[in-house]
Amino acid sequence: MTTTPAATVLTRNNVHVSGKPDGRAIMFSHGFGCAQEVWSRVAPHFEADHRVILFDHVGSGGSDLSAYDRGKYDSLHGAADDILEILEALDVTDVVFVGHSVSAMMGVLASVHDPSRFGRLILVGPSPRYIDEGDYTGGFSAADIDAVVLTHSHLDHAGALPLLVKQGFRGRILATPSTI
């Protein structure tokens, strides 16, 4: 899938592997505005039987902020590609993928692109839509998005605020049946 060296992928996404080296792999993928620490009370319960994979999406947690590329991350497909690159770098197939919020949809996109890497998808709080618009409520309001951008504006110097927040959530369809 990629020509990016495995060490670069693992550093870029701040990948941590623990648990049983020969156990079935389980990958925990955090949602928007979080980091891998969100799984700190869950992941240890799987370490006795599983190879546990934690990582940060580019622009989050301990990821390499300089790796942020607007062209790559202007849709969920860029993050889905990162998931596949991590699995490839670790030589993982048949992973149990646990994705929270928007990360659930990233996992769906990745599994459609390369189903051989996935055994199970566990989608925690996925949503087909992330913004309130018209009669739909259940996502973020424009004020919510503005508050997130303002709160995290200190990251802007590194270009780490995804277009999904600065521009994309406001009127961009993140995934449609034709893109999944």
C-alpha atoms as a PDB file:
ATOM      1  CA  MET A   1       0.000   0.000   0.000  1.00  0.00           C
ATOM      2  CA  THR A   2       2.659   2.502   0.988  1.00  0.00           C
ATOM      3  CA  THR A   3       6.248   3.351   0.338  1.00  0.00           C
ATOM      4  CA  THR A   4       6.507   5.145   3.688  1.00  0.00           C
ATOM      5  CA  PRO A   5       9.046   3.304   5.881  1.00  0.00           C
ATOM      6  CA  ALA A   6       7.482   1.454   8.815  1.00  0.00           C
ATOM      7  CA  ALA A   7       9.532   3.375  11.388  1.00  0.00           C
ATOM      8  CA  THR A   8       8.277   6.670   9.949  1.00  0.00           C
ATOM      9  CA  VAL A   9       4.644   5.525  10.078  1.00  0.00           C
ATOM     10  CA  LEU A  10       4.974   4.328  13.668  1.00  0.00           C
ATOM     11  CA  THR A  11       6.644   7.566  14.771  1.00  0.00           C
ATOM     12  CA  ARG A  12       4.277   9.800  12.803  1.00  0.00           C
ATOM     13  CA  ASN A  13       1.249   8.300  14.553  1.00  0.00           C
ATOM     14  CA  ASN A  14       2.907   7.769  17.956  1.00  0.00           C
ATOM     15  CA  VAL A  15       2.090   4.050  17.826  1.00  0.00           C
ATOM     16  CA  HIS A  16       2.333   1.985  21.015  1.00  0.00           C
ATOM     17  CA  VAL A  17       2.005  -1.797  20.989  1.00  0.00           C
ATOM     18  CA  SER A  18       1.514  -3.812  24.173  1.00  0.00           C
ATOM     19  CA  GLY A  19       0.028  -7.064  25.337  1.00  0.00           C
ATOM     20  CA  LYS A  20       0.509 -10.562  24.009  1.00  0.00           C
ATOM     21  CA  PRO A  21       2.857 -10.409  20.982  1.00  0.00           C
ATOM     22  CA  ASP A  22       1.251 -13.430  19.310  1.00  0.00           C
ATOM     23  CA  GLY A  23      -2.317 -12.556  20.350  1.00  0.00           C
ATOM     24  CA  ARG A  24      -4.985 -11.341  17.990  1.00  0.00           C
ATOM     25  CA  ALA A  25      -4.427  -7.657  17.280  1.00  0.00           C
ATOM     26  CA  ILE A  26      -6.910  -5.116  18.563  1.00  0.00           C
ATOM     27  CA  MET A  27      -6.510  -1.498  17.448  1.00  0.00           C
ATOM     28  CA  PHE A  28      -8.095   1.315  19.435  1.00  0.00           C
ATOM     29  CA  SER A  29      -8.705   4.499  17.434  1.00  0.00           C
ATOM     30  CA  HIS A  30      -9.663   7.692  19.264  1.00  0.00           C
ATOM     31  CA  GLY A  31     -12.288  10.205  18.200  1.00  0.00           C
ATOM     32  CA  PHE A  32     -12.008  13.867  17.278  1.00  0.00           C
ATOM     33  CA  GLY A  33     -10.360  16.111  19.862  1.00  0.00           C
ATOM     34  CA  CYS A  34      -8.932  13.152  21.784  1.00  0.00           C
ATOM     35  CA  ALA A  35      -5.712  11.168  21.878  1.00  0.00           C
ATOM     36  CA  GLN A  36      -4.861   7.539  22.540  1.00  0.00           C
ATOM     37  CA  GLU A  37      -4.987   8.198  26.294  1.00  0.00           C
ATOM     38  CA  VAL A  38      -8.774   8.063  26.005  1.00  0.00           C
ATOM     39  CA  TRP A  39      -8.353   4.267  25.950  1.00  0.00           C
ATOM     40  CA  SER A  40      -6.138   4.146  29.084  1.00  0.00           C
ATOM     41  CA  ARG A  41      -8.802   2.460  31.225  1.00  0.00           C
ATOM     42  CA  VAL A  42      -9.995   0.094  28.507  1.00  0.00           C
ATOM     43  CA  ALA A  43      -6.950  -1.168  26.600  1.00  0.00           C
ATOM     44  CA  PRO A  44      -5.144  -2.783  29.576  1.00  0.00           C
ATOM     45  CA  HIS A  45      -8.044  -5.223  29.987  1.00  0.00           C
ATOM     46  CA  PHE A  46      -7.178  -6.738  26.594  1.00  0.00           C
ATOM     47  CA  GLU A  47      -3.416  -7.079  27.045  1.00  0.00           C
ATOM     48  CA  ALA A  48      -3.479 -10.603  28.508  1.00  0.00           C
ATOM     49  CA  ASP A  49      -5.004 -12.074  25.337  1.00  0.00           C
ATOM     50  CA  HIS A  50      -4.443  -9.517  22.584  1.00  0.00           C
ATOM     51  CA  ARG A  51      -1.757  -7.527  20.861  1.00  0.00           C
ATOM     52  CA  VAL A  52      -3.007  -4.026  21.705  1.00  0.00           C
ATOM     53  CA  ILE A  53      -2.325  -1.190  19.253  1.00  0.00           C
ATOM     54  CA  LEU A  54      -2.816   2.423  20.303  1.00  0.00           C
ATOM     55  CA  PHE A  55      -2.000   5.440  18.148  1.00  0.00           C
ATOM     56  CA  ASP A  56      -2.701   9.109  17.643  1.00  0.00           C
ATOM     57  CA  HIS A  57      -4.179  10.526  14.466  1.00  0.00           C
ATOM     58  CA  VAL A  58      -1.933  13.142  12.877  1.00  0.00           C
ATOM     59  CA  GLY A  59      -2.696  16.447  14.581  1.00  0.00           C
ATOM     60  CA  SER A  60      -3.619  14.777  17.885  1.00  0.00           C
ATOM     61  CA  GLY A  61      -1.781  13.690  21.015  1.00  0.00           C
ATOM     62  CA  GLY A  62       1.842  12.757  20.506  1.00  0.00           C
ATOM     63  CA  SER A  63       1.639  12.483  16.726  1.00  0.00           C
ATOM     64  CA  ASP A  64       4.175  14.237  14.536  1.00  0.00           C
ATOM     65  CA  LEU A  65       2.443  17.566  13.893  1.00  0.00           C
ATOM     66  CA  SER A  66       4.846  18.357  11.050  1.00  0.00           C
ATOM     67  CA  ALA A  67       3.367  15.372   9.167  1.00  0.00           C
ATOM     68  CA  TYR A  68       0.071  17.219   8.749  1.00  0.00           C
ATOM     69  CA  ASP A  69      -0.702  17.764   5.067  1.00  0.00           C
ATOM     70  CA  ARG A  70      -3.897  19.593   4.109  1.00  0.00           C
ATOM     71  CA  GLY A  71      -4.101  17.747   0.815  1.00  0.00           C
ATOM     72  CA  LYS A  72      -3.984  14.361   2.527  1.00  0.00           C
ATOM     73  CA  TYR A  73      -6.207  15.136   5.501  1.00  0.00           C
ATOM     74  CA  ASP A  74      -8.913  17.197   3.814  1.00  0.00           C
ATOM     75  CA  SER A  75     -11.156  14.140   4.038  1.00  0.00           C
ATOM     76  CA  LEU A  76     -11.439  11.059   6.206  1.00  0.00           C
ATOM     77  CA  HIS A  77      -9.638   9.060   3.538  1.00  0.00           C
ATOM     78  CA  GLY A  78      -6.258  10.469   4.625  1.00  0.00           C
ATOM     79  CA  ALA A  79      -6.725   9.195   8.165  1.00  0.00           C
ATOM     80  CA  ALA A  80      -8.070   5.876   6.839  1.00  0.00           C
ATOM     81  CA  ASP A  81      -4.873   5.532   4.796  1.00  0.00           C
ATOM     82  CA  ASP A  82      -2.852   6.132   7.969  1.00  0.00           C
ATOM     83  CA  ILE A  83      -4.719   3.302   9.698  1.00  0.00           C
ATOM     84  CA  LEU A  84      -3.840   0.990   6.815  1.00  0.00           C
ATOM     85  CA  GLU A  85      -0.206   2.125   6.881  1.00  0.00           C
ATOM     86  CA  ILE A  86       0.012   1.360  10.609  1.00  0.00           C
ATOM     87  CA  LEU A  87      -1.460  -2.107  10.098  1.00  0.00           C
ATOM     88  CA  GLU A  88       0.943  -2.710   7.214  1.00  0.00           C
ATOM     89  CA  ALA A  89       3.938  -1.467   9.217  1.00  0.00           C
ATOM     90  CA  LEU A  90       3.045  -3.893  12.015  1.00  0.00           C
ATOM     91  CA  ASP A  91       2.196  -6.678   9.533  1.00  0.00           C
ATOM     92  CA  VAL A  92      -1.295  -7.041  10.991  1.00  0.00           C
ATOM     93  CA  THR A  93      -4.231  -8.824   9.408  1.00  0.00           C
ATOM     94  CA  ASP A  94      -7.537  -9.852  10.995  1.00  0.00           C
ATOM     95  CA  VAL A  95      -7.447  -6.885  13.385  1.00  0.00           C
ATOM     96  CA  VAL A  96     -10.296  -6.099  15.713  1.00  0.00           C
ATOM     97  CA  PHE A  97     -10.700  -2.395  15.025  1.00  0.00           C
ATOM     98  CA  VAL A  98     -12.363  -0.310  17.747  1.00  0.00           C
ATOM     99  CA  GLY A  99     -13.166   3.184  16.492  1.00  0.00           C
ATOM    100  CA  HIS A 100     -14.804   5.953  18.482  1.00  0.00           C
ATOM    101  CA  SER A 101     -16.897   8.719  16.895  1.00  0.00           C
ATOM    102  CA  VAL A 102     -15.434   9.976  13.613  1.00  0.00           C
ATOM    103  CA  SER A 103     -12.699   7.367  13.922  1.00  0.00           C
ATOM    104  CA  ALA A 104     -15.332   4.679  13.515  1.00  0.00           C
ATOM    105  CA  MET A 105     -16.003   5.979  10.016  1.00  0.00           C
ATOM    106  CA  MET A 106     -12.253   6.125   9.306  1.00  0.00           C
ATOM    107  CA  GLY A 107     -12.114   2.425  10.158  1.00  0.00           C
ATOM    108  CA  VAL A 108     -15.041   1.687   7.862  1.00  0.00           C
ATOM    109  CA  LEU A 109     -13.292   3.477   4.990  1.00  0.00           C
ATOM    110  CA  ALA A 110     -10.016   1.646   5.684  1.00  0.00           C
ATOM    111  CA  SER A 111     -11.761  -1.732   5.839  1.00  0.00           C
ATOM    112  CA  VAL A 112     -13.478  -1.138   2.525  1.00  0.00           C
ATOM    113  CA  HIS A 113     -10.169  -0.180   0.918  1.00  0.00           C
ATOM    114  CA  ASP A 114      -8.316  -3.242   2.278  1.00  0.00           C
ATOM    115  CA  PRO A 115     -10.647  -5.795   3.880  1.00  0.00           C
ATOM    116  CA  SER A 116      -7.793  -8.297   4.321  1.00  0.00           C
ATOM    117  CA  ARG A 117      -6.501  -6.258   7.262  1.00  0.00           C
ATOM    118  CA  PHE A 118      -9.764  -6.393   9.241  1.00  0.00           C
ATOM    119  CA  GLY A 119     -11.522  -9.205  11.068  1.00  0.00           C
ATOM    120  CA  ARG A 120     -14.034  -7.188  13.086  1.00  0.00           C
ATOM    121  CA  LEU A 121     -15.169  -3.578  13.323  1.00  0.00           C
ATOM    122  CA  ILE A 122     -16.443  -2.262  16.637  1.00  0.00           C
ATOM    123  CA  LEU A 123     -17.933   1.175  16.070  1.00  0.00           C
ATOM    124  CA  VAL A 124     -18.473   3.229  19.222  1.00  0.00           C
ATOM    125  CA  GLY A 125     -20.790   6.180  18.674  1.00  0.00           C
ATOM    126  CA  PRO A 126     -20.379   6.451  14.897  1.00  0.00           C
ATOM    127  CA  SER A 127     -22.289   9.076  13.005  1.00  0.00           C
ATOM    128  CA  PRO A 128     -23.183   9.439   9.351  1.00  0.00           C
ATOM    129  CA  ARG A 129     -23.127  13.204   9.802  1.00  0.00           C
ATOM    130  CA  TYR A 130     -21.106  15.538  12.019  1.00  0.00           C
ATOM    131  CA  ILE A 131     -22.803  18.916  11.627  1.00  0.00           C
ATOM    132  CA  ASP A 132     -26.259  20.191  12.434  1.00  0.00           C
ATOM    133  CA  GLU A 133     -27.969  21.459   9.339  1.00  0.00           C
ATOM    134  CA  GLY A 134     -31.577  22.088   8.430  1.00  0.00           C
ATOM    135  CA  ASP A 135     -33.811  19.691  10.357  1.00  0.00           C
ATOM    136  CA  TYR A 136     -30.891  17.449  11.356  1.00  0.00           C
ATOM    137  CA  THR A 137     -29.522  17.746  14.880  1.00  0.00           C
ATOM    138  CA  GLY A 138     -27.091  15.364  16.468  1.00  0.00           C
ATOM    139  CA  GLY A 139     -23.806  16.772  15.301  1.00  0.00           C
ATOM    140  CA  PHE A 140     -21.888  19.944  16.023  1.00  0.00           C
ATOM    141  CA  SER A 141     -23.398  23.414  15.709  1.00  0.00           C
ATOM    142  CA  ALA A 142     -21.469  26.203  13.991  1.00  0.00           C
ATOM    143  CA  ALA A 143     -20.812  27.695  17.459  1.00  0.00           C
ATOM    144  CA  ASP A 144     -19.394  24.339  18.655  1.00  0.00           C
ATOM    145  CA  ILE A 145     -17.023  24.227  15.704  1.00  0.00           C
ATOM    146  CA  ASP A 146     -15.926  27.827  16.235  1.00  0.00           C
ATOM    147  CA  ALA A 147     -15.241  27.071  19.913  1.00  0.00           C
ATOM    148  CA  VAL A 148     -13.092  24.033  19.019  1.00  0.00           C
ATOM    149  CA  VAL A 149     -11.125  26.033  16.473  1.00  0.00           C
ATOM    150  CA  LEU A 150     -10.644  28.877  18.964  1.00  0.00           C
ATOM    151  CA  THR A 151      -9.677  26.510  21.795  1.00  0.00           C
ATOM    152  CA  HIS A 152      -7.128  24.709  19.651  1.00  0.00           C
ATOM    153  CA  SER A 153      -5.908  27.719  17.680  1.00  0.00           C
ATOM    154  CA  HIS A 154      -2.477  27.376  19.318  1.00  0.00           C
ATOM    155  CA  LEU A 155      -1.969  24.368  17.029  1.00  0.00           C
ATOM    156  CA  ASP A 156      -2.633  26.426  13.939  1.00  0.00           C
ATOM    157  CA  HIS A 157       1.001  27.477  13.548  1.00  0.00           C
ATOM    158  CA  ALA A 158       1.860  23.846  12.782  1.00  0.00           C
ATOM    159  CA  GLY A 159      -1.080  23.451  10.394  1.00  0.00           C
ATOM    160  CA  ALA A 160      -2.434  20.750  12.690  1.00  0.00           C
ATOM    161  CA  LEU A 161      -6.087  21.781  12.658  1.00  0.00           C
ATOM    162  CA  PRO A 162      -7.670  19.548  10.077  1.00  0.00           C
ATOM    163  CA  LEU A 163      -9.731  21.097   7.360  1.00  0.00           C
ATOM    164  CA  LEU A 164     -12.490  18.895   8.684  1.00  0.00           C
ATOM    165  CA  VAL A 165     -12.830  21.417  11.496  1.00  0.00           C
ATOM    166  CA  LYS A 166     -11.741  24.708   9.979  1.00  0.00           C
ATOM    167  CA  GLN A 167     -13.618  24.279   6.713  1.00  0.00           C
ATOM    168  CA  GLY A 168     -14.889  20.767   6.247  1.00  0.00           C
ATOM    169  CA  PHE A 169     -17.463  20.350   8.999  1.00  0.00           C
ATOM    170  CA  ARG A 170     -19.242  23.436   7.722  1.00  0.00           C
ATOM    171  CA  GLY A 171     -20.976  22.078   4.679  1.00  0.00           C
ATOM    172  CA  ARG A 172     -18.701  19.301   3.493  1.00  0.00           C
ATOM    173  CA  ILE A 173     -20.023  15.795   3.240  1.00  0.00           C
ATOM    174  CA  LEU A 174     -17.380  13.588   4.819  1.00  0.00           C
ATOM    175  CA  ALA A 175     -18.461  10.304   3.290  1.00  0.00           C
ATOM    176  CA  THR A 176     -21.158   9.319   0.866  1.00  0.00           C
ATOM    177  CA  PRO A 177     -22.165   5.870  -0.368  1.00  0.00           C
ATOM    178  CA  SER A 178     -20.040   6.434  -3.466  1.00  0.00           C
ATOM    179  CA  THR A 179     -16.909   7.177  -1.397  1.00  0.00           C
ATOM    180  CA  ILE A 180     -17.236   4.329   1.067  1.00  0.00           C
END
